[in-house]
Amino acid sequence: MALVTRRRAVTTIGAALAGSVAIPSYATAGERTPTPQPLRRAHAHNDYLHPRPLHDALSHRFTSVEADVYLVDGELLVAHDVVDLDPTRTLRSLYLDPLAARVRANHGSVYRGHRKPVQLLIDIKADGEAAYLELHRQLGRYRGLFTTYTHGGVRRGPVTAVISGDRAVRAPMEAQRTRHAFYDGRLTDLGGPAPASLMPLISDNWGTQFTWYGVGPMPTAERERLHTVVRTAHGRGQRVRFWATPDLPGEARGAVWAELIAADADHLNTDDLPALEAFLDAYDRS
């Protein structure tokens, strides 16, 4: 199928599948039956707002989840805003311990039989350096779970932690000889000196880079820029994600998702887990 025809077909399919879809849940510990192929582009934005943080995303086969954290009295609490902080909702209880249990049950991987790491994107909302140092301490307790940088190389684990949010974390991360997490860059970092072993992900706000929000055809210059960004990042071993893309059901969301896939962007950002799962399955079938 020609690229333009394929893009139009997928946009139409995406609009038709934009509502909720009944998807069976898979085990939250060991997988007793084979699961469908994990969705390599699916990123759960603000994952902790779902009824079952982490588990809902994994039941929809997502391979990247996002958690916002604050450092409070020496503990990392998960919330978007300070007013929502709850001492029972820790990064350990919602993400680290469940991921460790699932990897143990699945013999070394988040999805049984699929060895590619799942990404845990941790957005530090405040107190960057202090929060990161506590995070480093916590991640280090999960031996073998997280992808680790040490001795100038990267050892892959079942989960790769990437740190976003407060930019003050970059300096202490660069100074470490061993770390259990990586840095989320911005488009201003693309082509800079930071290697993929520090900065494997480039993320940015869609609206600060593009004017098109899925209505009508994407302007040629913007499409070319999107493809150039992805191609440049991939040439350096880095992945690409945009946040604040359209996320309401309808043709505009499907059109933007289709353009991102056509450009080979690595992560599609959404709060609507079943809709993105259905869209990606339909795209594969097309």
C-alpha atoms as a PDB file:
ATOM      1  CA  MET A   1       0.000   0.000   0.000  1.00  0.00           C
ATOM      2  CA  ALA A   2       1.417   3.432  -0.934  1.00  0.00           C
ATOM      3  CA  LEU A   3       2.394   5.574   2.049  1.00  0.00           C
ATOM      4  CA  VAL A   4      -0.238   8.283   1.460  1.00  0.00           C
ATOM      5  CA  THR A   5      -2.994   5.704   0.932  1.00  0.00           C
ATOM      6  CA  ARG A   6      -1.864   3.786   3.989  1.00  0.00           C
ATOM      7  CA  ARG A   7      -1.869   6.959   6.107  1.00  0.00           C
ATOM      8  CA  ARG A   8      -5.415   7.818   5.021  1.00  0.00           C
ATOM      9  CA  ALA A   9      -6.626   4.286   5.709  1.00  0.00           C
ATOM     10  CA  VAL A  10      -5.078   4.172   9.155  1.00  0.00           C
ATOM     11  CA  THR A  11      -6.448   7.600  10.066  1.00  0.00           C
ATOM     12  CA  THR A  12      -9.938   6.400   9.144  1.00  0.00           C
ATOM     13  CA  ILE A  13      -9.478   3.194  11.121  1.00  0.00           C
ATOM     14  CA  GLY A  14      -8.149   5.160  14.094  1.00  0.00           C
ATOM     15  CA  ALA A  15     -11.191   7.435  14.149  1.00  0.00           C
ATOM     16  CA  ALA A  16     -13.519   4.439  14.035  1.00  0.00           C
ATOM     17  CA  LEU A  17     -11.701   2.769  16.928  1.00  0.00           C
ATOM     18  CA  ALA A  18     -11.276   5.862  19.063  1.00  0.00           C
ATOM     19  CA  GLY A  19     -13.797   4.772  21.720  1.00  0.00           C
ATOM     20  CA  SER A  20     -13.364   2.231  24.479  1.00  0.00           C
ATOM     21  CA  VAL A  21     -12.740  -1.369  23.445  1.00  0.00           C
ATOM     22  CA  ALA A  22     -13.166  -4.427  25.644  1.00  0.00           C
ATOM     23  CA  ILE A  23      -9.728  -5.970  26.024  1.00  0.00           C
ATOM     24  CA  PRO A  24      -9.061  -8.978  28.267  1.00  0.00           C
ATOM     25  CA  SER A  25      -6.789  -8.380  31.223  1.00  0.00           C
ATOM     26  CA  TYR A  26      -3.625 -10.426  31.502  1.00  0.00           C
ATOM     27  CA  ALA A  27      -2.043 -11.679  34.682  1.00  0.00           C
ATOM     28  CA  THR A  28      -0.389  -9.037  36.846  1.00  0.00           C
ATOM     29  CA  ALA A  29       2.226 -11.521  38.065  1.00  0.00           C
ATOM     30  CA  GLY A  30       3.055 -14.629  36.017  1.00  0.00           C
ATOM     31  CA  GLU A  31       1.673 -15.048  32.515  1.00  0.00           C
ATOM     32  CA  ARG A  32      -0.150 -18.392  32.368  1.00  0.00           C
ATOM     33  CA  THR A  33      -1.023 -18.131  28.691  1.00  0.00           C
ATOM     34  CA  PRO A  34       0.845 -16.513  25.790  1.00  0.00           C
ATOM     35  CA  THR A  35       0.028 -12.819  25.419  1.00  0.00           C
ATOM     36  CA  PRO A  36      -0.282 -10.917  22.159  1.00  0.00           C
ATOM     37  CA  GLN A  37       2.778  -9.050  20.975  1.00  0.00           C
ATOM     38  CA  PRO A  38       3.598  -6.050  23.210  1.00  0.00           C
ATOM     39  CA  LEU A  39       2.976  -2.703  21.537  1.00  0.00           C
ATOM     40  CA  ARG A  40       6.413  -1.157  21.103  1.00  0.00           C
ATOM     41  CA  ARG A  41       5.115   2.386  20.477  1.00  0.00           C
ATOM     42  CA  ALA A  42       2.502   2.545  23.249  1.00  0.00           C
ATOM     43  CA  HIS A  43       3.291   5.012  26.062  1.00  0.00           C
ATOM     44  CA  ALA A  44       0.914   5.518  29.010  1.00  0.00           C
ATOM     45  CA  HIS A  45       1.028   9.211  29.846  1.00  0.00           C
ATOM     46  CA  ASN A  46       0.270   9.951  33.534  1.00  0.00           C
ATOM     47  CA  ASP A  47      -0.166   6.225  34.021  1.00  0.00           C
ATOM     48  CA  TYR A  48      -0.778   6.542  37.769  1.00  0.00           C
ATOM     49  CA  LEU A  49      -4.182   8.171  37.136  1.00  0.00           C
ATOM     50  CA  HIS A  50      -5.648   4.903  35.875  1.00  0.00           C
ATOM     51  CA  PRO A  51      -7.599   2.704  38.312  1.00  0.00           C
ATOM     52  CA  ARG A  52      -4.764   0.174  38.444  1.00  0.00           C
ATOM     53  CA  PRO A  53      -1.468   2.010  37.879  1.00  0.00           C
ATOM     54  CA  LEU A  54       0.991  -0.026  35.781  1.00  0.00           C
ATOM     55  CA  HIS A  55      -1.311  -3.065  35.612  1.00  0.00           C
ATOM     56  CA  ASP A  56      -3.874  -1.394  33.347  1.00  0.00           C
ATOM     57  CA  ALA A  57      -1.146  -0.330  30.927  1.00  0.00           C
ATOM     58  CA  LEU A  58       0.396  -3.797  30.881  1.00  0.00           C
ATOM     59  CA  SER A  59      -3.007  -5.417  30.355  1.00  0.00           C
ATOM     60  CA  HIS A  60      -3.262  -3.283  27.196  1.00  0.00           C
ATOM     61  CA  ARG A  61       0.280  -4.386  26.176  1.00  0.00           C
ATOM     62  CA  PHE A  62       1.955  -0.988  26.638  1.00  0.00           C
ATOM     63  CA  THR A  63       5.740  -0.944  26.725  1.00  0.00           C
ATOM     64  CA  SER A  64       6.241   2.459  28.333  1.00  0.00           C
ATOM     65  CA  VAL A  65       4.586   4.011  31.393  1.00  0.00           C
ATOM     66  CA  GLU A  66       5.015   7.418  33.015  1.00  0.00           C
ATOM     67  CA  ALA A  67       4.968   8.293  36.713  1.00  0.00           C
ATOM     68  CA  ASP A  68       5.365  11.766  38.251  1.00  0.00           C
ATOM     69  CA  VAL A  69       7.147  11.844  41.608  1.00  0.00           C
ATOM     70  CA  TYR A  70       7.796  14.209  44.513  1.00  0.00           C
ATOM     71  CA  LEU A  71      10.346  13.691  47.280  1.00  0.00           C
ATOM     72  CA  VAL A  72       8.496  13.948  50.614  1.00  0.00           C
ATOM     73  CA  ASP A  73      10.214  13.105  53.916  1.00  0.00           C
ATOM     74  CA  GLY A  74      12.706  10.858  52.171  1.00  0.00           C
ATOM     75  CA  GLU A  75      10.097   8.970  50.130  1.00  0.00           C
ATOM     76  CA  LEU A  76       9.164   9.264  46.460  1.00  0.00           C
ATOM     77  CA  LEU A  77       5.414   9.795  46.208  1.00  0.00           C
ATOM     78  CA  VAL A  78       3.524   9.489  42.921  1.00  0.00           C
ATOM     79  CA  ALA A  79       1.173  12.345  41.978  1.00  0.00           C
ATOM     80  CA  HIS A  80       0.710  15.048  39.363  1.00  0.00           C
ATOM     81  CA  ASP A  81       0.174  17.890  41.850  1.00  0.00           C
ATOM     82  CA  VAL A  82       1.213  18.510  45.437  1.00  0.00           C
ATOM     83  CA  VAL A  83      -2.425  18.544  46.597  1.00  0.00           C
ATOM     84  CA  ASP A  84      -2.801  14.946  45.417  1.00  0.00           C
ATOM     85  CA  LEU A  85       0.107  13.522  47.410  1.00  0.00           C
ATOM     86  CA  ASP A  86      -0.771  10.367  49.355  1.00  0.00           C
ATOM     87  CA  PRO A  87       1.841   8.636  51.549  1.00  0.00           C
ATOM     88  CA  THR A  88       0.508   5.232  50.492  1.00  0.00           C
ATOM     89  CA  ARG A  89       1.115   5.903  46.791  1.00  0.00           C
ATOM     90  CA  THR A  90       4.869   5.496  46.573  1.00  0.00           C
ATOM     91  CA  LEU A  91       6.969   4.770  43.527  1.00  0.00           C
ATOM     92  CA  ARG A  92       7.992   1.504  45.165  1.00  0.00           C
ATOM     93  CA  SER A  93       4.465   0.298  45.878  1.00  0.00           C
ATOM     94  CA  LEU A  94       2.931   1.334  42.547  1.00  0.00           C
ATOM     95  CA  TYR A  95       5.795   0.537  40.166  1.00  0.00           C
ATOM     96  CA  LEU A  96       9.071  -0.848  41.475  1.00  0.00           C
ATOM     97  CA  ASP A  97       7.762  -3.746  43.557  1.00  0.00           C
ATOM     98  CA  PRO A  98       5.083  -4.814  41.019  1.00  0.00           C
ATOM     99  CA  LEU A  99       7.612  -4.722  38.176  1.00  0.00           C
ATOM    100  CA  ALA A 100      10.081  -6.799  40.190  1.00  0.00           C
ATOM    101  CA  ALA A 101       7.381  -9.350  41.032  1.00  0.00           C
ATOM    102  CA  ARG A 102       6.243  -9.600  37.445  1.00  0.00           C
ATOM    103  CA  VAL A 103       9.774 -10.053  36.112  1.00  0.00           C
ATOM    104  CA  ARG A 104      10.451 -12.802  38.645  1.00  0.00           C
ATOM    105  CA  ALA A 105       7.215 -14.583  37.704  1.00  0.00           C
ATOM    106  CA  ASN A 106       7.910 -14.226  33.986  1.00  0.00           C
ATOM    107  CA  HIS A 107      11.442 -15.598  34.194  1.00  0.00           C
ATOM    108  CA  GLY A 108      13.315 -12.378  33.534  1.00  0.00           C
ATOM    109  CA  SER A 109      11.027 -10.186  31.446  1.00  0.00           C
ATOM    110  CA  VAL A 110       7.993  -7.965  31.901  1.00  0.00           C
ATOM    111  CA  TYR A 111       6.190  -9.806  29.093  1.00  0.00           C
ATOM    112  CA  ARG A 112       6.966 -13.508  29.089  1.00  0.00           C
ATOM    113  CA  GLY A 113       8.973 -14.433  26.026  1.00  0.00           C
ATOM    114  CA  HIS A 114       9.663 -10.824  25.021  1.00  0.00           C
ATOM    115  CA  ARG A 115      13.073  -9.573  26.069  1.00  0.00           C
ATOM    116  CA  LYS A 116      12.954  -5.946  24.954  1.00  0.00           C
ATOM    117  CA  PRO A 117      12.974  -3.682  28.049  1.00  0.00           C
ATOM    118  CA  VAL A 118       9.846  -1.879  29.151  1.00  0.00           C
ATOM    119  CA  GLN A 119      10.411   1.829  29.798  1.00  0.00           C
ATOM    120  CA  LEU A 120       9.560   3.442  33.131  1.00  0.00           C
ATOM    121  CA  LEU A 121       9.595   7.200  32.533  1.00  0.00           C
ATOM    122  CA  ILE A 122       9.918   8.959  35.892  1.00  0.00           C
ATOM    123  CA  ASP A 123       9.062  12.664  35.841  1.00  0.00           C
ATOM    124  CA  ILE A 124      10.682  14.401  38.833  1.00  0.00           C
ATOM    125  CA  LYS A 125       8.429  17.341  39.625  1.00  0.00           C
ATOM    126  CA  ALA A 126      10.613  19.174  42.184  1.00  0.00           C
ATOM    127  CA  ASP A 127      13.845  18.983  44.227  1.00  0.00           C
ATOM    128  CA  GLY A 128      15.633  17.534  41.223  1.00  0.00           C
ATOM    129  CA  GLU A 129      19.036  16.496  42.562  1.00  0.00           C
ATOM    130  CA  ALA A 130      17.813  15.325  45.978  1.00  0.00           C
ATOM    131  CA  ALA A 131      14.908  13.412  44.416  1.00  0.00           C
ATOM    132  CA  TYR A 132      17.208  11.811  41.880  1.00  0.00           C
ATOM    133  CA  LEU A 133      19.732  10.678  44.497  1.00  0.00           C
ATOM    134  CA  GLU A 134      16.930   8.985  46.465  1.00  0.00           C
ATOM    135  CA  LEU A 135      15.672   7.421  43.253  1.00  0.00           C
ATOM    136  CA  HIS A 136      19.176   6.148  42.463  1.00  0.00           C
ATOM    137  CA  ARG A 137      19.324   4.572  45.911  1.00  0.00           C
ATOM    138  CA  GLN A 138      15.962   2.881  45.461  1.00  0.00           C
ATOM    139  CA  LEU A 139      16.639   1.579  41.962  1.00  0.00           C
ATOM    140  CA  GLY A 140      19.943   0.119  43.113  1.00  0.00           C
ATOM    141  CA  ARG A 141      18.107  -2.175  45.537  1.00  0.00           C
ATOM    142  CA  TYR A 142      16.425  -4.037  42.647  1.00  0.00           C
ATOM    143  CA  ARG A 143      19.406  -6.031  41.475  1.00  0.00           C
ATOM    144  CA  GLY A 144      19.143  -7.064  37.845  1.00  0.00           C
ATOM    145  CA  LEU A 145      15.794  -5.343  37.229  1.00  0.00           C
ATOM    146  CA  PHE A 146      16.945  -2.086  35.661  1.00  0.00           C
ATOM    147  CA  THR A 147      19.127  -1.332  32.675  1.00  0.00           C
ATOM    148  CA  THR A 148      22.403  -0.045  34.129  1.00  0.00           C
ATOM    149  CA  TYR A 149      25.239   2.138  32.898  1.00  0.00           C
ATOM    150  CA  THR A 150      28.593   1.084  34.320  1.00  0.00           C
ATOM    151  CA  HIS A 151      32.236   1.012  33.218  1.00  0.00           C
ATOM    152  CA  GLY A 152      31.327   3.044  30.128  1.00  0.00           C
ATOM    153  CA  GLY A 153      28.796   0.526  28.848  1.00  0.00           C
ATOM    154  CA  VAL A 154      25.121  -0.323  29.118  1.00  0.00           C
ATOM    155  CA  ARG A 155      23.822  -3.606  30.564  1.00  0.00           C
ATOM    156  CA  ARG A 156      20.232  -4.215  29.525  1.00  0.00           C
ATOM    157  CA  GLY A 157      17.667  -5.157  32.143  1.00  0.00           C
ATOM    158  CA  PRO A 158      13.969  -5.991  31.854  1.00  0.00           C
ATOM    159  CA  VAL A 159      13.077  -2.370  32.721  1.00  0.00           C
ATOM    160  CA  THR A 160      14.782   0.843  31.610  1.00  0.00           C
ATOM    161  CA  ALA A 161      14.222   3.852  33.871  1.00  0.00           C
ATOM    162  CA  VAL A 162      14.423   7.242  32.153  1.00  0.00           C
ATOM    163  CA  ILE A 163      14.336  10.463  34.174  1.00  0.00           C
ATOM    164  CA  SER A 164      12.321  13.421  32.928  1.00  0.00           C
ATOM    165  CA  GLY A 165      11.017  16.627  34.476  1.00  0.00           C
ATOM    166  CA  ASP A 166      13.422  18.646  36.644  1.00  0.00           C
ATOM    167  CA  ARG A 167      16.471  19.335  34.452  1.00  0.00           C
ATOM    168  CA  ALA A 168      18.746  19.678  37.500  1.00  0.00           C
ATOM    169  CA  VAL A 169      19.202  15.897  37.484  1.00  0.00           C
ATOM    170  CA  ARG A 170      21.459  15.930  34.440  1.00  0.00           C
ATOM    171  CA  ALA A 171      24.658  17.039  36.183  1.00  0.00           C
ATOM    172  CA  PRO A 172      24.606  14.403  38.950  1.00  0.00           C
ATOM    173  CA  MET A 173      23.707  11.729  36.412  1.00  0.00           C
ATOM    174  CA  GLU A 174      26.617  12.661  34.151  1.00  0.00           C
ATOM    175  CA  ALA A 175      28.984  12.538  37.124  1.00  0.00           C
ATOM    176  CA  GLN A 176      28.077   8.966  38.083  1.00  0.00           C
ATOM    177  CA  ARG A 177      30.254   6.056  37.032  1.00  0.00           C
ATOM    178  CA  THR A 178      27.371   3.661  37.720  1.00  0.00           C
ATOM    179  CA  ARG A 179      23.696   4.555  37.404  1.00  0.00           C
ATOM    180  CA  HIS A 180      20.435   2.706  37.064  1.00  0.00           C
ATOM    181  CA  ALA A 181      18.601   5.329  35.030  1.00  0.00           C
ATOM    182  CA  PHE A 182      18.979   7.497  31.943  1.00  0.00           C
ATOM    183  CA  TYR A 183      18.147  11.065  30.970  1.00  0.00           C
ATOM    184  CA  ASP A 184      15.227  12.299  28.860  1.00  0.00           C
ATOM    185  CA  GLY A 185      16.549  14.958  26.482  1.00  0.00           C
ATOM    186  CA  ARG A 186      14.783  17.715  24.561  1.00  0.00           C
ATOM    187  CA  LEU A 187      14.986  18.666  20.894  1.00  0.00           C
ATOM    188  CA  THR A 188      17.541  21.316  21.846  1.00  0.00           C
ATOM    189  CA  ASP A 189      19.782  18.397  22.903  1.00  0.00           C
ATOM    190  CA  LEU A 190      19.457  16.586  19.580  1.00  0.00           C
ATOM    191  CA  GLY A 191      22.818  16.437  17.862  1.00  0.00           C
ATOM    192  CA  GLY A 192      24.602  17.614  21.000  1.00  0.00           C
ATOM    193  CA  PRO A 193      27.483  15.906  22.817  1.00  0.00           C
ATOM    194  CA  ALA A 194      25.380  13.669  25.094  1.00  0.00           C
ATOM    195  CA  PRO A 195      25.540  10.040  23.906  1.00  0.00           C
ATOM    196  CA  ALA A 196      22.652   7.595  23.886  1.00  0.00           C
ATOM    197  CA  SER A 197      24.256   5.880  26.881  1.00  0.00           C
ATOM    198  CA  LEU A 198      23.187   8.949  28.881  1.00  0.00           C
ATOM    199  CA  MET A 199      20.285  10.252  26.801  1.00  0.00           C
ATOM    200  CA  PRO A 200      18.483   7.413  24.970  1.00  0.00           C
ATOM    201  CA  LEU A 201      15.240   9.378  24.663  1.00  0.00           C
ATOM    202  CA  ILE A 202      14.418  12.746  23.107  1.00  0.00           C
ATOM    203  CA  SER A 203      11.024  14.145  24.159  1.00  0.00           C
ATOM    204  CA  ASP A 204       9.312  17.446  23.481  1.00  0.00           C
ATOM    205  CA  ASN A 205       5.996  19.275  23.452  1.00  0.00           C
ATOM    206  CA  TRP A 206       4.197  18.758  20.144  1.00  0.00           C
ATOM    207  CA  GLY A 207       2.689  22.239  20.256  1.00  0.00           C
ATOM    208  CA  THR A 208       6.033  24.025  20.559  1.00  0.00           C
ATOM    209  CA  GLN A 209       7.366  22.230  17.478  1.00  0.00           C
ATOM    210  CA  PHE A 210       4.341  21.935  15.163  1.00  0.00           C
ATOM    211  CA  THR A 211       1.219  23.954  14.375  1.00  0.00           C
ATOM    212  CA  TRP A 212      -0.730  21.019  12.914  1.00  0.00           C
ATOM    213  CA  TYR A 213      -3.135  19.194  15.237  1.00  0.00           C
ATOM    214  CA  GLY A 214      -4.598  16.629  12.866  1.00  0.00           C
ATOM    215  CA  VAL A 215      -7.156  18.736  10.980  1.00  0.00           C
ATOM    216  CA  GLY A 216      -6.621  18.580   7.233  1.00  0.00           C
ATOM    217  CA  PRO A 217      -3.340  17.438   5.731  1.00  0.00           C
ATOM    218  CA  MET A 218      -0.123  17.933   7.660  1.00  0.00           C
ATOM    219  CA  PRO A 219       1.892  20.801   6.122  1.00  0.00           C
ATOM    220  CA  THR A 220       4.712  19.423   4.015  1.00  0.00           C
ATOM    221  CA  ALA A 221       7.399  21.425   5.826  1.00  0.00           C
ATOM    222  CA  GLU A 222       6.215  20.145   9.211  1.00  0.00           C
ATOM    223  CA  ARG A 223       6.080  16.552   7.992  1.00  0.00           C
ATOM    224  CA  GLU A 224       9.619  16.875   6.665  1.00  0.00           C
ATOM    225  CA  ARG A 225      10.748  18.330   9.991  1.00  0.00           C
ATOM    226  CA  LEU A 226       9.154  15.457  11.909  1.00  0.00           C
ATOM    227  CA  HIS A 227      10.862  12.877   9.718  1.00  0.00           C
ATOM    228  CA  THR A 228      14.189  14.702  10.037  1.00  0.00           C
ATOM    229  CA  VAL A 229      13.944  14.777  13.835  1.00  0.00           C
ATOM    230  CA  VAL A 230      13.241  11.047  14.051  1.00  0.00           C
ATOM    231  CA  ARG A 231      15.876  10.142  11.471  1.00  0.00           C
ATOM    232  CA  THR A 232      18.525  12.236  13.251  1.00  0.00           C
ATOM    233  CA  ALA A 233      17.715  10.738  16.651  1.00  0.00           C
ATOM    234  CA  HIS A 234      17.736   7.196  15.333  1.00  0.00           C
ATOM    235  CA  GLY A 235      21.088   7.825  13.709  1.00  0.00           C
ATOM    236  CA  ARG A 236      22.440   8.526  17.201  1.00  0.00           C
ATOM    237  CA  GLY A 237      20.728   5.535  18.802  1.00  0.00           C
ATOM    238  CA  GLN A 238      18.033   7.664  20.454  1.00  0.00           C
ATOM    239  CA  ARG A 239      14.252   7.292  20.585  1.00  0.00           C
ATOM    240  CA  VAL A 240      11.664  10.056  20.032  1.00  0.00           C
ATOM    241  CA  ARG A 241       8.499  10.957  21.950  1.00  0.00           C
ATOM    242  CA  PHE A 242       6.163  13.959  21.749  1.00  0.00           C
ATOM    243  CA  TRP A 243       3.750  14.868  24.532  1.00  0.00           C
ATOM    244  CA  ALA A 244       0.622  17.069  24.292  1.00  0.00           C
ATOM    245  CA  THR A 245      -0.508  15.492  21.040  1.00  0.00           C
ATOM    246  CA  PRO A 246      -4.305  15.400  20.451  1.00  0.00           C
ATOM    247  CA  ASP A 247      -5.858  12.794  22.725  1.00  0.00           C
ATOM    248  CA  LEU A 248      -9.616  13.211  22.370  1.00  0.00           C
ATOM    249  CA  PRO A 249     -11.480  10.568  20.322  1.00  0.00           C
ATOM    250  CA  GLY A 250     -11.818  11.502  16.681  1.00  0.00           C
ATOM    251  CA  GLU A 251     -10.093  11.837  13.344  1.00  0.00           C
ATOM    252  CA  ALA A 252      -7.561  14.455  14.480  1.00  0.00           C
ATOM    253  CA  ARG A 253      -6.023  12.118  17.038  1.00  0.00           C
ATOM    254  CA  GLY A 254      -5.874   9.279  14.521  1.00  0.00           C
ATOM    255  CA  ALA A 255      -4.288  11.542  11.907  1.00  0.00           C
ATOM    256  CA  VAL A 256      -1.503  12.645  14.256  1.00  0.00           C
ATOM    257  CA  TRP A 257      -0.870   9.075  15.419  1.00  0.00           C
ATOM    258  CA  ALA A 258      -0.672   7.953  11.785  1.00  0.00           C
ATOM    259  CA  GLU A 259       1.869  10.667  10.927  1.00  0.00           C
ATOM    260  CA  LEU A 260       3.987   9.745  13.958  1.00  0.00           C
ATOM    261  CA  ILE A 261       4.025   6.095  12.902  1.00  0.00           C
ATOM    262  CA  ALA A 262       4.822   7.030   9.310  1.00  0.00           C
ATOM    263  CA  ALA A 263       7.817   9.006  10.602  1.00  0.00           C
ATOM    264  CA  ASP A 264       8.822   5.998  12.775  1.00  0.00           C
ATOM    265  CA  ALA A 265       8.470   7.899  16.072  1.00  0.00           C
ATOM    266  CA  ASP A 266       9.092   5.506  18.932  1.00  0.00           C
ATOM    267  CA  HIS A 267       6.384   6.406  21.450  1.00  0.00           C
ATOM    268  CA  LEU A 268       2.769   7.502  21.002  1.00  0.00           C
ATOM    269  CA  ASN A 269       1.568   9.389  24.059  1.00  0.00           C
ATOM    270  CA  THR A 270      -1.952   8.750  25.390  1.00  0.00           C
ATOM    271  CA  ASP A 271      -4.234   8.606  28.417  1.00  0.00           C
ATOM    272  CA  ASP A 272      -6.682   6.419  26.447  1.00  0.00           C
ATOM    273  CA  LEU A 273      -5.182   2.937  26.762  1.00  0.00           C
ATOM    274  CA  PRO A 274      -7.795   0.872  24.892  1.00  0.00           C
ATOM    275  CA  ALA A 275      -8.014   3.354  22.012  1.00  0.00           C
ATOM    276  CA  LEU A 276      -4.284   3.328  21.302  1.00  0.00           C
ATOM    277  CA  GLU A 277      -4.150  -0.455  21.605  1.00  0.00           C
ATOM    278  CA  ALA A 278      -6.976  -0.787  19.074  1.00  0.00           C
ATOM    279  CA  PHE A 279      -5.378   1.801  16.771  1.00  0.00           C
ATOM    280  CA  LEU A 280      -2.001   0.056  16.731  1.00  0.00           C
ATOM    281  CA  ASP A 281      -3.582  -3.350  16.154  1.00  0.00           C
ATOM    282  CA  ALA A 282      -5.610  -1.922  13.263  1.00  0.00           C
ATOM    283  CA  TYR A 283      -2.503  -0.292  11.823  1.00  0.00           C
ATOM    284  CA  ASP A 284      -0.650  -3.607  11.901  1.00  0.00           C
ATOM    285  CA  ARG A 285      -3.573  -5.376  10.210  1.00  0.00           C
ATOM    286  CA  SER A 286      -3.737  -2.706   7.486  1.00  0.00           C
END
